[in-house]
Amino acid sequence: MAGKVGVTVILPGMLHAVAGGARLRVEAGTLAEALEAAWAQVPALRLHLCEEDGRFRMHVLCFLNERNTRGLRSLDVPLCEGDEIAFVQAISGGSGAAR
């Protein structure tokens, strides 16, 4: 198992009040461990970001540094000191034409 390193979890504006700020600092060896550490610090985050089965909600994107995690086979990706995990609310919609 990899040693633990310090990483930053960056939250979207809509979760700042829930988490008490825009960023969390966690210690973890893998992305999966970092997420569990974030959920342990602020349990409500899991409810806002994940489905009941643990997958990220459809309109939630998670990035490890600049890499979208959606295409990863596993979240057991080793972390490096100073890595950033950022959550972004995906925006989707219709044609944009006003009626």
C-alpha atoms as a PDB file:
ATOM      1  CA  MET A   1       0.000   0.000   0.000  1.00  0.00           C
ATOM      2  CA  ALA A   2       1.243   3.475  -0.885  1.00  0.00           C
ATOM      3  CA  GLY A   3       2.075   5.924   1.874  1.00  0.00           C
ATOM      4  CA  LYS A   4      -0.336   8.709   2.627  1.00  0.00           C
ATOM      5  CA  VAL A   5       0.196  12.132   1.119  1.00  0.00           C
ATOM      6  CA  GLY A   6      -1.580  15.452   1.529  1.00  0.00           C
ATOM      7  CA  VAL A   7      -4.080  16.314  -1.190  1.00  0.00           C
ATOM      8  CA  THR A   8      -6.681  19.046  -1.616  1.00  0.00           C
ATOM      9  CA  VAL A   9     -10.333  18.407  -2.418  1.00  0.00           C
ATOM     10  CA  ILE A  10     -11.904  21.359  -4.247  1.00  0.00           C
ATOM     11  CA  LEU A  11     -15.686  21.684  -4.027  1.00  0.00           C
ATOM     12  CA  PRO A  12     -18.202  23.479  -6.250  1.00  0.00           C
ATOM     13  CA  GLY A  13     -19.756  26.671  -4.889  1.00  0.00           C
ATOM     14  CA  MET A  14     -23.060  24.998  -4.097  1.00  0.00           C
ATOM     15  CA  LEU A  15     -21.287  22.814  -1.490  1.00  0.00           C
ATOM     16  CA  HIS A  16     -19.203  25.483   0.242  1.00  0.00           C
ATOM     17  CA  ALA A  17     -21.814  25.987   2.964  1.00  0.00           C
ATOM     18  CA  VAL A  18     -22.193  22.224   3.488  1.00  0.00           C
ATOM     19  CA  ALA A  19     -18.426  21.717   3.819  1.00  0.00           C
ATOM     20  CA  GLY A  20     -17.603  24.960   5.591  1.00  0.00           C
ATOM     21  CA  GLY A  21     -15.455  26.190   2.713  1.00  0.00           C
ATOM     22  CA  ALA A  22     -14.252  25.628  -0.820  1.00  0.00           C
ATOM     23  CA  ARG A  23     -11.459  23.179   0.017  1.00  0.00           C
ATOM     24  CA  LEU A  24     -10.716  20.228   2.248  1.00  0.00           C
ATOM     25  CA  ARG A  25      -7.270  18.873   3.042  1.00  0.00           C
ATOM     26  CA  VAL A  26      -7.037  15.098   3.372  1.00  0.00           C
ATOM     27  CA  GLU A  27      -4.280  12.514   3.772  1.00  0.00           C
ATOM     28  CA  ALA A  28      -4.528   9.421   1.585  1.00  0.00           C
ATOM     29  CA  GLY A  29      -2.564   7.029  -0.606  1.00  0.00           C
ATOM     30  CA  THR A  30      -5.130   6.619  -3.386  1.00  0.00           C
ATOM     31  CA  LEU A  31      -7.977   8.567  -4.916  1.00  0.00           C
ATOM     32  CA  ALA A  32     -10.484   6.148  -3.356  1.00  0.00           C
ATOM     33  CA  GLU A  33      -8.936   6.690   0.086  1.00  0.00           C
ATOM     34  CA  ALA A  34      -8.974  10.460  -0.386  1.00  0.00           C
ATOM     35  CA  LEU A  35     -12.674  10.398  -1.213  1.00  0.00           C
ATOM     36  CA  GLU A  36     -13.401   8.269   1.850  1.00  0.00           C
ATOM     37  CA  ALA A  37     -11.397  10.732   3.956  1.00  0.00           C
ATOM     38  CA  ALA A  38     -13.418  13.637   2.528  1.00  0.00           C
ATOM     39  CA  TRP A  39     -16.689  11.794   3.254  1.00  0.00           C
ATOM     40  CA  ALA A  40     -15.454  11.152   6.813  1.00  0.00           C
ATOM     41  CA  GLN A  41     -14.714  14.871   7.320  1.00  0.00           C
ATOM     42  CA  VAL A  42     -18.033  16.005   5.834  1.00  0.00           C
ATOM     43  CA  PRO A  43     -20.492  13.087   5.615  1.00  0.00           C
ATOM     44  CA  ALA A  44     -23.085  15.168   3.733  1.00  0.00           C
ATOM     45  CA  LEU A  45     -20.714  15.394   0.750  1.00  0.00           C
ATOM     46  CA  ARG A  46     -21.313  11.750  -0.127  1.00  0.00           C
ATOM     47  CA  LEU A  47     -25.071  12.403  -0.237  1.00  0.00           C
ATOM     48  CA  HIS A  48     -24.625  15.391  -2.544  1.00  0.00           C
ATOM     49  CA  LEU A  49     -22.023  13.878  -4.863  1.00  0.00           C
ATOM     50  CA  CYS A  50     -22.819  10.145  -5.004  1.00  0.00           C
ATOM     51  CA  GLU A  51     -25.692   7.823  -5.805  1.00  0.00           C
ATOM     52  CA  GLU A  52     -26.716   5.203  -3.236  1.00  0.00           C
ATOM     53  CA  ASP A  53     -24.457   2.625  -4.934  1.00  0.00           C
ATOM     54  CA  GLY A  54     -21.405   4.891  -4.501  1.00  0.00           C
ATOM     55  CA  ARG A  55     -21.065   6.062  -8.115  1.00  0.00           C
ATOM     56  CA  PHE A  56     -20.821   9.790  -8.724  1.00  0.00           C
ATOM     57  CA  ARG A  57     -24.145  11.368  -9.623  1.00  0.00           C
ATOM     58  CA  MET A  58     -24.748  11.810 -13.355  1.00  0.00           C
ATOM     59  CA  HIS A  59     -24.084  15.559 -13.342  1.00  0.00           C
ATOM     60  CA  VAL A  60     -21.067  15.435 -11.033  1.00  0.00           C
ATOM     61  CA  LEU A  61     -17.609  15.337 -12.569  1.00  0.00           C
ATOM     62  CA  CYS A  62     -14.528  14.472 -10.532  1.00  0.00           C
ATOM     63  CA  PHE A  63     -11.048  15.440 -11.692  1.00  0.00           C
ATOM     64  CA  LEU A  64      -7.717  14.263 -10.338  1.00  0.00           C
ATOM     65  CA  ASN A  65      -5.547  17.226 -11.222  1.00  0.00           C
ATOM     66  CA  GLU A  66      -6.661  17.786 -14.837  1.00  0.00           C
ATOM     67  CA  ARG A  67      -7.772  14.203 -15.547  1.00  0.00           C
ATOM     68  CA  ASN A  68     -11.489  13.395 -15.591  1.00  0.00           C
ATOM     69  CA  THR A  69     -11.925  10.302 -13.421  1.00  0.00           C
ATOM     70  CA  ARG A  70     -15.038   9.151 -15.274  1.00  0.00           C
ATOM     71  CA  GLY A  71     -12.939   7.045 -17.652  1.00  0.00           C
ATOM     72  CA  LEU A  72     -10.907   5.323 -14.937  1.00  0.00           C
ATOM     73  CA  ARG A  73     -11.466   1.605 -14.375  1.00  0.00           C
ATOM     74  CA  SER A  74     -10.803   2.056 -10.659  1.00  0.00           C
ATOM     75  CA  LEU A  75     -10.380   4.860  -8.161  1.00  0.00           C
ATOM     76  CA  ASP A  76      -7.379   3.051  -6.653  1.00  0.00           C
ATOM     77  CA  VAL A  77      -5.075   5.521  -8.403  1.00  0.00           C
ATOM     78  CA  PRO A  78      -1.955   6.399  -6.375  1.00  0.00           C
ATOM     79  CA  LEU A  79      -1.716  10.019  -5.270  1.00  0.00           C
ATOM     80  CA  CYS A  80       1.256  12.371  -5.074  1.00  0.00           C
ATOM     81  CA  GLU A  81       1.805  15.098  -2.494  1.00  0.00           C
ATOM     82  CA  GLY A  82      -0.067  18.227  -3.582  1.00  0.00           C
ATOM     83  CA  ASP A  83      -2.502  16.516  -5.958  1.00  0.00           C
ATOM     84  CA  GLU A  84      -5.891  18.171  -6.320  1.00  0.00           C
ATOM     85  CA  ILE A  85      -9.244  16.443  -6.550  1.00  0.00           C
ATOM     86  CA  ALA A  86     -11.866  18.804  -7.958  1.00  0.00           C
ATOM     87  CA  PHE A  87     -15.603  18.321  -8.211  1.00  0.00           C
ATOM     88  CA  VAL A  88     -17.490  20.144 -10.931  1.00  0.00           C
ATOM     89  CA  GLN A  89     -21.222  20.269 -11.541  1.00  0.00           C
ATOM     90  CA  ALA A  90     -21.760  19.358 -15.193  1.00  0.00           C
ATOM     91  CA  ILE A  91     -24.130  21.648 -17.028  1.00  0.00           C
ATOM     92  CA  SER A  92     -26.507  20.292 -19.624  1.00  0.00           C
ATOM     93  CA  GLY A  93     -29.625  21.529 -21.202  1.00  0.00           C
ATOM     94  CA  GLY A  94     -31.691  22.122 -24.276  1.00  0.00           C
ATOM     95  CA  SER A  95     -31.076  24.211 -27.322  1.00  0.00           C
ATOM     96  CA  GLY A  96     -30.691  27.432 -25.371  1.00  0.00           C
ATOM     97  CA  ALA A  97     -33.293  29.177 -27.500  1.00  0.00           C
ATOM     98  CA  ALA A  98     -35.658  31.396 -25.569  1.00  0.00           C
ATOM     99  CA  ARG A  99     -39.329  30.745 -26.177  1.00  0.00           C
END
